[in-house]
Amino acid sequence: MFGGGILEQVSFYSYNLLCGKAEELRRYLVDSIVSGNKLFVVTLNSQIFLRAQQIPDYDEALRHATFHLPDGSGVVWAVKRHCNVVTDRVPGIDTMLYLCEEAKNRGWKVYLLGARPDVVNRAAENLRNKGVNIVGYHHGYFEDQTPAEEIEKLKPDLLFVGMGAPRQELWIYQHMQLPFKLAMGVGGSFDVIAGVKKRAPKFFQKTRLEWFYRWITEPISRSRVPLDVAKFFFKVVLDGKDGNCEKIR
């Protein structure tokens, strides 16, 4: 245990996973930033995990992340089953909004990278209207023309990348030299913040069925979600505890 005896750190398939109460986990990230640490944070769920098992370069990128947060309900279940560690689920969008609020209070600069041009523009405006210092943003539909040079000039404290897995974490890993204090992949969070998509109702969030809500509301784009959930479940069960889950502190 660390962080005042509240948090626990677990090596889950060699991923450095932070476990505990959501509020304390987010506060720990803020304290780490204030202490001068540079953070690459991954919001781990079953789909990200399975992608990493299939793509060696992606697995390597995830292994170099400073911390993983238990974003998916499957990860929360697996850690409890094999590590005997109870943790809150820590959704990426909630963590992003929490950090944006901290940024507003602490004068931190924020950069958004990802989504369609109109979506990221609207997300940036909505956050600015709430007092967040969005110093820049760029859509995620680029190939050769990278926004890295602009990020280098603006020097944001927080860099949120919403390009989906595996692209967002690979991009962060390949650009760790950029002058940010925290970089985190946030998936489709910009769509929600922009008001383009609705988040799952509280019932689905509390019952850890947000993935199910996304599947029934977006059956085509989310067609693989139930299969991925099942694959993750059986992999964790069949692999067992040995070598795949270990308490660090």
C-alpha atoms as a PDB file:
ATOM      1  CA  MET A   1       0.000   0.000   0.000  1.00  0.00           C
ATOM      2  CA  PHE A   2       1.066   3.569  -0.562  1.00  0.00           C
ATOM      3  CA  GLY A   3      -0.422   7.022  -0.930  1.00  0.00           C
ATOM      4  CA  GLY A   4      -1.166   7.177   2.789  1.00  0.00           C
ATOM      5  CA  GLY A   5      -2.065   3.487   2.895  1.00  0.00           C
ATOM      6  CA  ILE A   6      -5.071   3.992   0.597  1.00  0.00           C
ATOM      7  CA  LEU A   7      -3.843   2.818  -2.813  1.00  0.00           C
ATOM      8  CA  GLU A   8      -2.337  -0.427  -4.008  1.00  0.00           C
ATOM      9  CA  GLN A   9      -0.109  -1.064  -6.987  1.00  0.00           C
ATOM     10  CA  VAL A  10      -0.462  -4.314  -8.915  1.00  0.00           C
ATOM     11  CA  SER A  11       1.508  -5.858 -11.756  1.00  0.00           C
ATOM     12  CA  PHE A  12      -1.318  -7.151 -13.938  1.00  0.00           C
ATOM     13  CA  TYR A  13       0.178  -9.039 -16.899  1.00  0.00           C
ATOM     14  CA  SER A  14       3.216  -6.783 -16.319  1.00  0.00           C
ATOM     15  CA  TYR A  15       1.083  -3.634 -16.574  1.00  0.00           C
ATOM     16  CA  ASN A  16       1.532  -1.244 -13.671  1.00  0.00           C
ATOM     17  CA  LEU A  17      -2.053  -0.958 -12.411  1.00  0.00           C
ATOM     18  CA  LEU A  18      -3.118   1.503  -9.708  1.00  0.00           C
ATOM     19  CA  CYS A  19      -5.989   0.283  -7.539  1.00  0.00           C
ATOM     20  CA  GLY A  20      -8.150   1.934  -4.905  1.00  0.00           C
ATOM     21  CA  LYS A  21     -10.907   4.499  -4.535  1.00  0.00           C
ATOM     22  CA  ALA A  22     -11.404   6.556  -7.689  1.00  0.00           C
ATOM     23  CA  GLU A  23     -11.076   9.899  -5.918  1.00  0.00           C
ATOM     24  CA  GLU A  24      -7.798   8.865  -4.285  1.00  0.00           C
ATOM     25  CA  LEU A  25      -6.394   7.525  -7.551  1.00  0.00           C
ATOM     26  CA  ARG A  26      -7.093  10.793  -9.334  1.00  0.00           C
ATOM     27  CA  ARG A  27      -5.692  12.798  -6.452  1.00  0.00           C
ATOM     28  CA  TYR A  28      -2.539  10.690  -6.628  1.00  0.00           C
ATOM     29  CA  LEU A  29      -2.134  11.600 -10.304  1.00  0.00           C
ATOM     30  CA  VAL A  30      -2.410  15.292  -9.439  1.00  0.00           C
ATOM     31  CA  ASP A  31       0.114  14.926  -6.600  1.00  0.00           C
ATOM     32  CA  SER A  32       2.506  13.153  -8.980  1.00  0.00           C
ATOM     33  CA  ILE A  33       2.211  15.986 -11.508  1.00  0.00           C
ATOM     34  CA  VAL A  34       2.802  18.591  -8.805  1.00  0.00           C
ATOM     35  CA  SER A  35       5.863  16.621  -7.675  1.00  0.00           C
ATOM     36  CA  GLY A  36       7.367  17.052 -11.128  1.00  0.00           C
ATOM     37  CA  ASN A  37       6.793  13.554 -12.500  1.00  0.00           C
ATOM     38  CA  LYS A  38       6.035  13.043 -16.177  1.00  0.00           C
ATOM     39  CA  LEU A  39       3.129  10.634 -16.567  1.00  0.00           C
ATOM     40  CA  PHE A  40       1.899   8.411 -19.384  1.00  0.00           C
ATOM     41  CA  VAL A  41      -1.444   7.062 -18.182  1.00  0.00           C
ATOM     42  CA  VAL A  42      -3.460   4.242 -19.759  1.00  0.00           C
ATOM     43  CA  THR A  43      -7.128   3.625 -18.961  1.00  0.00           C
ATOM     44  CA  LEU A  44      -7.075  -0.168 -19.147  1.00  0.00           C
ATOM     45  CA  ASN A  45     -10.109  -2.150 -20.258  1.00  0.00           C
ATOM     46  CA  SER A  46     -10.640  -5.579 -21.826  1.00  0.00           C
ATOM     47  CA  GLN A  47     -10.481  -4.294 -25.412  1.00  0.00           C
ATOM     48  CA  ILE A  48      -7.195  -2.449 -24.892  1.00  0.00           C
ATOM     49  CA  PHE A  49      -5.812  -5.512 -23.101  1.00  0.00           C
ATOM     50  CA  LEU A  50      -6.777  -7.904 -25.919  1.00  0.00           C
ATOM     51  CA  ARG A  51      -5.392  -5.570 -28.588  1.00  0.00           C
ATOM     52  CA  ALA A  52      -2.071  -5.529 -26.754  1.00  0.00           C
ATOM     53  CA  GLN A  53      -1.990  -9.329 -26.675  1.00  0.00           C
ATOM     54  CA  GLN A  54      -2.263  -9.311 -30.470  1.00  0.00           C
ATOM     55  CA  ILE A  55       0.047  -6.396 -31.323  1.00  0.00           C
ATOM     56  CA  PRO A  56       3.597  -6.624 -29.882  1.00  0.00           C
ATOM     57  CA  ASP A  57       4.373  -2.922 -30.453  1.00  0.00           C
ATOM     58  CA  TYR A  58       1.216  -1.954 -28.613  1.00  0.00           C
ATOM     59  CA  ASP A  59       2.041  -4.284 -25.724  1.00  0.00           C
ATOM     60  CA  GLU A  60       5.479  -2.692 -25.486  1.00  0.00           C
ATOM     61  CA  ALA A  61       3.944   0.799 -25.399  1.00  0.00           C
ATOM     62  CA  LEU A  62       1.555  -0.195 -22.600  1.00  0.00           C
ATOM     63  CA  ARG A  63       4.364  -1.729 -20.589  1.00  0.00           C
ATOM     64  CA  HIS A  64       6.158   1.626 -20.677  1.00  0.00           C
ATOM     65  CA  ALA A  65       3.158   3.520 -19.310  1.00  0.00           C
ATOM     66  CA  THR A  66       3.732   5.099 -15.920  1.00  0.00           C
ATOM     67  CA  PHE A  67       0.374   3.906 -14.623  1.00  0.00           C
ATOM     68  CA  HIS A  68      -2.687   2.017 -15.769  1.00  0.00           C
ATOM     69  CA  LEU A  69      -6.077   2.846 -14.313  1.00  0.00           C
ATOM     70  CA  PRO A  70      -8.804   0.157 -14.048  1.00  0.00           C
ATOM     71  CA  ASP A  71     -11.217   1.632 -16.586  1.00  0.00           C
ATOM     72  CA  GLY A  72     -13.026  -1.577 -17.546  1.00  0.00           C
ATOM     73  CA  SER A  73     -15.305  -3.612 -15.280  1.00  0.00           C
ATOM     74  CA  GLY A  74     -13.519  -6.743 -16.504  1.00  0.00           C
ATOM     75  CA  VAL A  75     -10.200  -5.446 -15.202  1.00  0.00           C
ATOM     76  CA  VAL A  76     -11.806  -4.610 -11.846  1.00  0.00           C
ATOM     77  CA  TRP A  77     -13.175  -8.174 -11.669  1.00  0.00           C
ATOM     78  CA  ALA A  78      -9.877  -9.780 -12.719  1.00  0.00           C
ATOM     79  CA  VAL A  79      -7.817  -7.905 -10.134  1.00  0.00           C
ATOM     80  CA  LYS A  80     -10.230  -8.882  -7.391  1.00  0.00           C
ATOM     81  CA  ARG A  81     -10.240 -12.517  -8.514  1.00  0.00           C
ATOM     82  CA  HIS A  82      -6.497 -13.050  -8.943  1.00  0.00           C
ATOM     83  CA  CYS A  83      -4.884 -10.362  -6.797  1.00  0.00           C
ATOM     84  CA  ASN A  84      -7.427 -10.168  -3.988  1.00  0.00           C
ATOM     85  CA  VAL A  85      -7.432  -6.407  -4.488  1.00  0.00           C
ATOM     86  CA  VAL A  86     -10.661  -4.414  -4.490  1.00  0.00           C
ATOM     87  CA  THR A  87     -10.664  -1.296  -6.637  1.00  0.00           C
ATOM     88  CA  ASP A  88     -13.136   1.199  -8.015  1.00  0.00           C
ATOM     89  CA  ARG A  89     -13.670   1.364 -11.723  1.00  0.00           C
ATOM     90  CA  VAL A  90     -12.012   4.575 -12.935  1.00  0.00           C
ATOM     91  CA  PRO A  91     -13.501   5.681 -16.285  1.00  0.00           C
ATOM     92  CA  GLY A  92     -11.210   7.683 -18.523  1.00  0.00           C
ATOM     93  CA  ILE A  93     -13.726  10.448 -19.182  1.00  0.00           C
ATOM     94  CA  ASP A  94     -14.267  11.020 -15.458  1.00  0.00           C
ATOM     95  CA  THR A  95     -10.511  11.199 -14.933  1.00  0.00           C
ATOM     96  CA  MET A  96     -10.136  13.634 -17.813  1.00  0.00           C
ATOM     97  CA  LEU A  97     -12.863  15.923 -16.474  1.00  0.00           C
ATOM     98  CA  TYR A  98     -11.369  15.749 -12.979  1.00  0.00           C
ATOM     99  CA  LEU A  99      -7.951  16.724 -14.319  1.00  0.00           C
ATOM    100  CA  CYS A 100      -9.479  19.542 -16.375  1.00  0.00           C
ATOM    101  CA  GLU A 101     -11.054  20.912 -13.205  1.00  0.00           C
ATOM    102  CA  GLU A 102      -7.668  20.724 -11.491  1.00  0.00           C
ATOM    103  CA  ALA A 103      -6.126  22.425 -14.509  1.00  0.00           C
ATOM    104  CA  LYS A 104      -8.612  25.279 -14.157  1.00  0.00           C
ATOM    105  CA  ASN A 105      -7.770  25.712 -10.479  1.00  0.00           C
ATOM    106  CA  ARG A 106      -4.008  25.351 -10.905  1.00  0.00           C
ATOM    107  CA  GLY A 107      -3.522  27.295 -14.130  1.00  0.00           C
ATOM    108  CA  TRP A 108      -2.456  24.255 -16.133  1.00  0.00           C
ATOM    109  CA  LYS A 109      -2.556  24.329 -19.922  1.00  0.00           C
ATOM    110  CA  VAL A 110      -4.508  21.633 -21.782  1.00  0.00           C
ATOM    111  CA  TYR A 111      -4.216  20.296 -25.334  1.00  0.00           C
ATOM    112  CA  LEU A 112      -6.752  18.041 -27.071  1.00  0.00           C
ATOM    113  CA  LEU A 113      -5.732  15.676 -29.864  1.00  0.00           C
ATOM    114  CA  GLY A 114      -8.161  13.425 -31.712  1.00  0.00           C
ATOM    115  CA  ALA A 115     -11.699  12.976 -33.080  1.00  0.00           C
ATOM    116  CA  ARG A 116     -13.179  14.707 -36.129  1.00  0.00           C
ATOM    117  CA  PRO A 117     -12.320  18.386 -36.700  1.00  0.00           C
ATOM    118  CA  ASP A 118     -15.808  19.577 -35.768  1.00  0.00           C
ATOM    119  CA  VAL A 119     -15.955  17.354 -32.690  1.00  0.00           C
ATOM    120  CA  VAL A 120     -12.621  18.344 -31.170  1.00  0.00           C
ATOM    121  CA  ASN A 121     -13.407  22.015 -31.908  1.00  0.00           C
ATOM    122  CA  ARG A 122     -16.722  21.770 -30.063  1.00  0.00           C
ATOM    123  CA  ALA A 123     -15.161  19.847 -27.184  1.00  0.00           C
ATOM    124  CA  ALA A 124     -12.472  22.513 -26.827  1.00  0.00           C
ATOM    125  CA  GLU A 125     -15.071  25.299 -26.832  1.00  0.00           C
ATOM    126  CA  ASN A 126     -17.232  23.548 -24.242  1.00  0.00           C
ATOM    127  CA  LEU A 127     -14.244  23.124 -21.927  1.00  0.00           C
ATOM    128  CA  ARG A 128     -13.163  26.728 -22.471  1.00  0.00           C
ATOM    129  CA  ASN A 129     -16.647  27.857 -21.525  1.00  0.00           C
ATOM    130  CA  LYS A 130     -16.102  26.091 -18.206  1.00  0.00           C
ATOM    131  CA  GLY A 131     -12.875  27.994 -17.601  1.00  0.00           C
ATOM    132  CA  VAL A 132     -10.384  25.356 -18.749  1.00  0.00           C
ATOM    133  CA  ASN A 133      -7.299  26.789 -20.459  1.00  0.00           C
ATOM    134  CA  ILE A 134      -7.349  24.885 -23.762  1.00  0.00           C
ATOM    135  CA  VAL A 135      -4.212  26.200 -25.461  1.00  0.00           C
ATOM    136  CA  GLY A 136      -4.695  24.145 -28.603  1.00  0.00           C
ATOM    137  CA  TYR A 137      -6.335  21.208 -30.282  1.00  0.00           C
ATOM    138  CA  HIS A 138      -6.013  19.105 -33.411  1.00  0.00           C
ATOM    139  CA  HIS A 139      -8.203  16.494 -35.047  1.00  0.00           C
ATOM    140  CA  GLY A 140      -7.122  12.867 -35.210  1.00  0.00           C
ATOM    141  CA  TYR A 141      -7.335  12.460 -38.997  1.00  0.00           C
ATOM    142  CA  PHE A 142      -3.728  13.094 -39.866  1.00  0.00           C
ATOM    143  CA  GLU A 143      -0.932  10.998 -41.330  1.00  0.00           C
ATOM    144  CA  ASP A 144       2.243  12.857 -42.254  1.00  0.00           C
ATOM    145  CA  GLN A 145       1.187  16.256 -40.922  1.00  0.00           C
ATOM    146  CA  THR A 146       1.618  15.672 -37.207  1.00  0.00           C
ATOM    147  CA  PRO A 147       0.608  18.190 -34.515  1.00  0.00           C
ATOM    148  CA  ALA A 148       3.772  17.377 -32.551  1.00  0.00           C
ATOM    149  CA  GLU A 149       5.482  20.632 -33.560  1.00  0.00           C
ATOM    150  CA  GLU A 150       2.544  22.701 -32.313  1.00  0.00           C
ATOM    151  CA  ILE A 151       2.463  20.767 -29.032  1.00  0.00           C
ATOM    152  CA  GLU A 152       6.206  21.348 -28.679  1.00  0.00           C
ATOM    153  CA  LYS A 153       5.649  25.106 -28.953  1.00  0.00           C
ATOM    154  CA  LEU A 154       2.586  25.317 -26.703  1.00  0.00           C
ATOM    155  CA  LYS A 155       4.024  23.123 -23.931  1.00  0.00           C
ATOM    156  CA  PRO A 156       0.720  21.915 -22.462  1.00  0.00           C
ATOM    157  CA  ASP A 157       0.663  20.484 -18.976  1.00  0.00           C
ATOM    158  CA  LEU A 158      -2.055  17.978 -19.857  1.00  0.00           C
ATOM    159  CA  LEU A 159      -2.299  16.210 -23.226  1.00  0.00           C
ATOM    160  CA  PHE A 160      -5.473  14.218 -23.866  1.00  0.00           C
ATOM    161  CA  VAL A 161      -5.432  11.972 -26.928  1.00  0.00           C
ATOM    162  CA  GLY A 162      -8.742  10.658 -28.234  1.00  0.00           C
ATOM    163  CA  MET A 163      -7.866   8.535 -31.247  1.00  0.00           C
ATOM    164  CA  GLY A 164      -8.954   5.114 -30.025  1.00  0.00           C
ATOM    165  CA  ALA A 165      -6.859   2.070 -29.249  1.00  0.00           C
ATOM    166  CA  PRO A 166      -4.203   1.231 -30.226  1.00  0.00           C
ATOM    167  CA  ARG A 167      -3.396   4.469 -32.035  1.00  0.00           C
ATOM    168  CA  GLN A 168      -3.686   6.871 -29.119  1.00  0.00           C
ATOM    169  CA  GLU A 169      -1.318   5.022 -26.761  1.00  0.00           C
ATOM    170  CA  LEU A 170       1.134   4.255 -29.572  1.00  0.00           C
ATOM    171  CA  TRP A 171       1.187   7.954 -30.502  1.00  0.00           C
ATOM    172  CA  ILE A 172       1.863   9.009 -26.917  1.00  0.00           C
ATOM    173  CA  TYR A 173       4.625   6.409 -26.514  1.00  0.00           C
ATOM    174  CA  GLN A 174       6.279   7.565 -29.747  1.00  0.00           C
ATOM    175  CA  HIS A 175       6.130  11.209 -28.617  1.00  0.00           C
ATOM    176  CA  MET A 176       7.215  10.965 -25.002  1.00  0.00           C
ATOM    177  CA  GLN A 177       9.819  13.636 -25.703  1.00  0.00           C
ATOM    178  CA  LEU A 178       7.088  16.278 -25.970  1.00  0.00           C
ATOM    179  CA  PRO A 179       6.903  18.767 -23.061  1.00  0.00           C
ATOM    180  CA  PHE A 180       3.778  17.577 -21.253  1.00  0.00           C
ATOM    181  CA  LYS A 181       3.315  16.642 -17.607  1.00  0.00           C
ATOM    182  CA  LEU A 182       0.596  14.058 -18.211  1.00  0.00           C
ATOM    183  CA  ALA A 183      -0.571  12.359 -21.397  1.00  0.00           C
ATOM    184  CA  MET A 184      -3.543  10.026 -21.438  1.00  0.00           C
ATOM    185  CA  GLY A 185      -5.615   8.254 -24.076  1.00  0.00           C
ATOM    186  CA  VAL A 186      -9.299   9.048 -23.647  1.00  0.00           C
ATOM    187  CA  GLY A 187     -11.001   7.147 -26.477  1.00  0.00           C
ATOM    188  CA  GLY A 188     -14.334   8.687 -27.416  1.00  0.00           C
ATOM    189  CA  SER A 189     -14.456  11.189 -24.555  1.00  0.00           C
ATOM    190  CA  PHE A 190     -14.318  14.175 -26.916  1.00  0.00           C
ATOM    191  CA  ASP A 191     -17.575  13.033 -28.540  1.00  0.00           C
ATOM    192  CA  VAL A 192     -19.316  13.077 -25.159  1.00  0.00           C
ATOM    193  CA  ILE A 193     -17.821  16.413 -24.097  1.00  0.00           C
ATOM    194  CA  ALA A 194     -18.776  17.906 -27.466  1.00  0.00           C
ATOM    195  CA  GLY A 195     -22.341  16.681 -27.005  1.00  0.00           C
ATOM    196  CA  VAL A 196     -22.213  14.518 -30.130  1.00  0.00           C
ATOM    197  CA  LYS A 197     -22.806  11.317 -28.161  1.00  0.00           C
ATOM    198  CA  LYS A 198     -24.504  10.652 -24.863  1.00  0.00           C
ATOM    199  CA  ARG A 199     -22.849   8.785 -22.041  1.00  0.00           C
ATOM    200  CA  ALA A 200     -24.506   5.691 -20.597  1.00  0.00           C
ATOM    201  CA  PRO A 201     -27.181   6.421 -17.960  1.00  0.00           C
ATOM    202  CA  LYS A 202     -26.136   6.237 -14.298  1.00  0.00           C
ATOM    203  CA  PHE A 203     -27.722   2.784 -13.912  1.00  0.00           C
ATOM    204  CA  PHE A 204     -25.365   1.276 -16.500  1.00  0.00           C
ATOM    205  CA  GLN A 205     -22.373   3.091 -14.994  1.00  0.00           C
ATOM    206  CA  LYS A 206     -23.099   1.934 -11.451  1.00  0.00           C
ATOM    207  CA  THR A 207     -23.728  -1.663 -12.513  1.00  0.00           C
ATOM    208  CA  ARG A 208     -20.529  -1.688 -14.606  1.00  0.00           C
ATOM    209  CA  LEU A 209     -22.505  -2.281 -17.794  1.00  0.00           C
ATOM    210  CA  GLU A 210     -21.461   0.823 -19.689  1.00  0.00           C
ATOM    211  CA  TRP A 211     -19.960  -1.442 -22.366  1.00  0.00           C
ATOM    212  CA  PHE A 212     -23.355  -3.125 -22.770  1.00  0.00           C
ATOM    213  CA  TYR A 213     -25.102   0.247 -23.224  1.00  0.00           C
ATOM    214  CA  ARG A 214     -22.591   1.280 -25.881  1.00  0.00           C
ATOM    215  CA  TRP A 215     -23.149  -2.038 -27.666  1.00  0.00           C
ATOM    216  CA  ILE A 216     -26.944  -1.783 -27.781  1.00  0.00           C
ATOM    217  CA  THR A 217     -26.871   1.876 -28.866  1.00  0.00           C
ATOM    218  CA  GLU A 218     -24.070   1.426 -31.445  1.00  0.00           C
ATOM    219  CA  PRO A 219     -24.477  -2.210 -32.568  1.00  0.00           C
ATOM    220  CA  ILE A 220     -22.462  -1.827 -35.782  1.00  0.00           C
ATOM    221  CA  SER A 221     -19.395   0.061 -34.524  1.00  0.00           C
ATOM    222  CA  ARG A 222     -19.430  -1.872 -31.234  1.00  0.00           C
ATOM    223  CA  SER A 223     -20.201  -5.295 -32.705  1.00  0.00           C
ATOM    224  CA  ARG A 224     -17.060  -6.884 -31.234  1.00  0.00           C
ATOM    225  CA  VAL A 225     -17.596  -5.668 -27.683  1.00  0.00           C
ATOM    226  CA  PRO A 226     -19.507  -8.723 -26.307  1.00  0.00           C
ATOM    227  CA  LEU A 227     -16.989 -11.082 -27.944  1.00  0.00           C
ATOM    228  CA  ASP A 228     -14.068  -9.148 -26.458  1.00  0.00           C
ATOM    229  CA  VAL A 229     -15.664  -9.248 -23.011  1.00  0.00           C
ATOM    230  CA  ALA A 230     -16.062 -13.027 -23.291  1.00  0.00           C
ATOM    231  CA  LYS A 231     -12.496 -13.486 -24.602  1.00  0.00           C
ATOM    232  CA  PHE A 232     -11.083 -11.456 -21.734  1.00  0.00           C
ATOM    233  CA  PHE A 233     -13.099 -13.416 -19.161  1.00  0.00           C
ATOM    234  CA  PHE A 234     -11.961 -16.817 -20.416  1.00  0.00           C
ATOM    235  CA  LYS A 235      -8.340 -15.746 -20.846  1.00  0.00           C
ATOM    236  CA  VAL A 236      -8.113 -14.509 -17.270  1.00  0.00           C
ATOM    237  CA  VAL A 237      -9.819 -17.650 -15.940  1.00  0.00           C
ATOM    238  CA  LEU A 238      -7.680 -20.050 -17.983  1.00  0.00           C
ATOM    239  CA  ASP A 239      -4.399 -18.226 -17.350  1.00  0.00           C
ATOM    240  CA  GLY A 240      -4.972 -18.237 -13.620  1.00  0.00           C
ATOM    241  CA  LYS A 241      -3.090 -16.194 -11.071  1.00  0.00           C
ATOM    242  CA  ASP A 242       0.477 -17.406 -11.510  1.00  0.00           C
ATOM    243  CA  GLY A 243       2.670 -14.818 -13.176  1.00  0.00           C
ATOM    244  CA  ASN A 244      -0.248 -12.626 -14.239  1.00  0.00           C
ATOM    245  CA  CYS A 245      -1.069 -10.719 -11.085  1.00  0.00           C
ATOM    246  CA  GLU A 246       1.300  -9.611  -8.369  1.00  0.00           C
ATOM    247  CA  LYS A 247       1.048  -6.957  -5.699  1.00  0.00           C
ATOM    248  CA  ILE A 248       3.901  -4.467  -5.953  1.00  0.00           C
ATOM    249  CA  ARG A 249       3.079  -2.253  -2.967  1.00  0.00           C
END
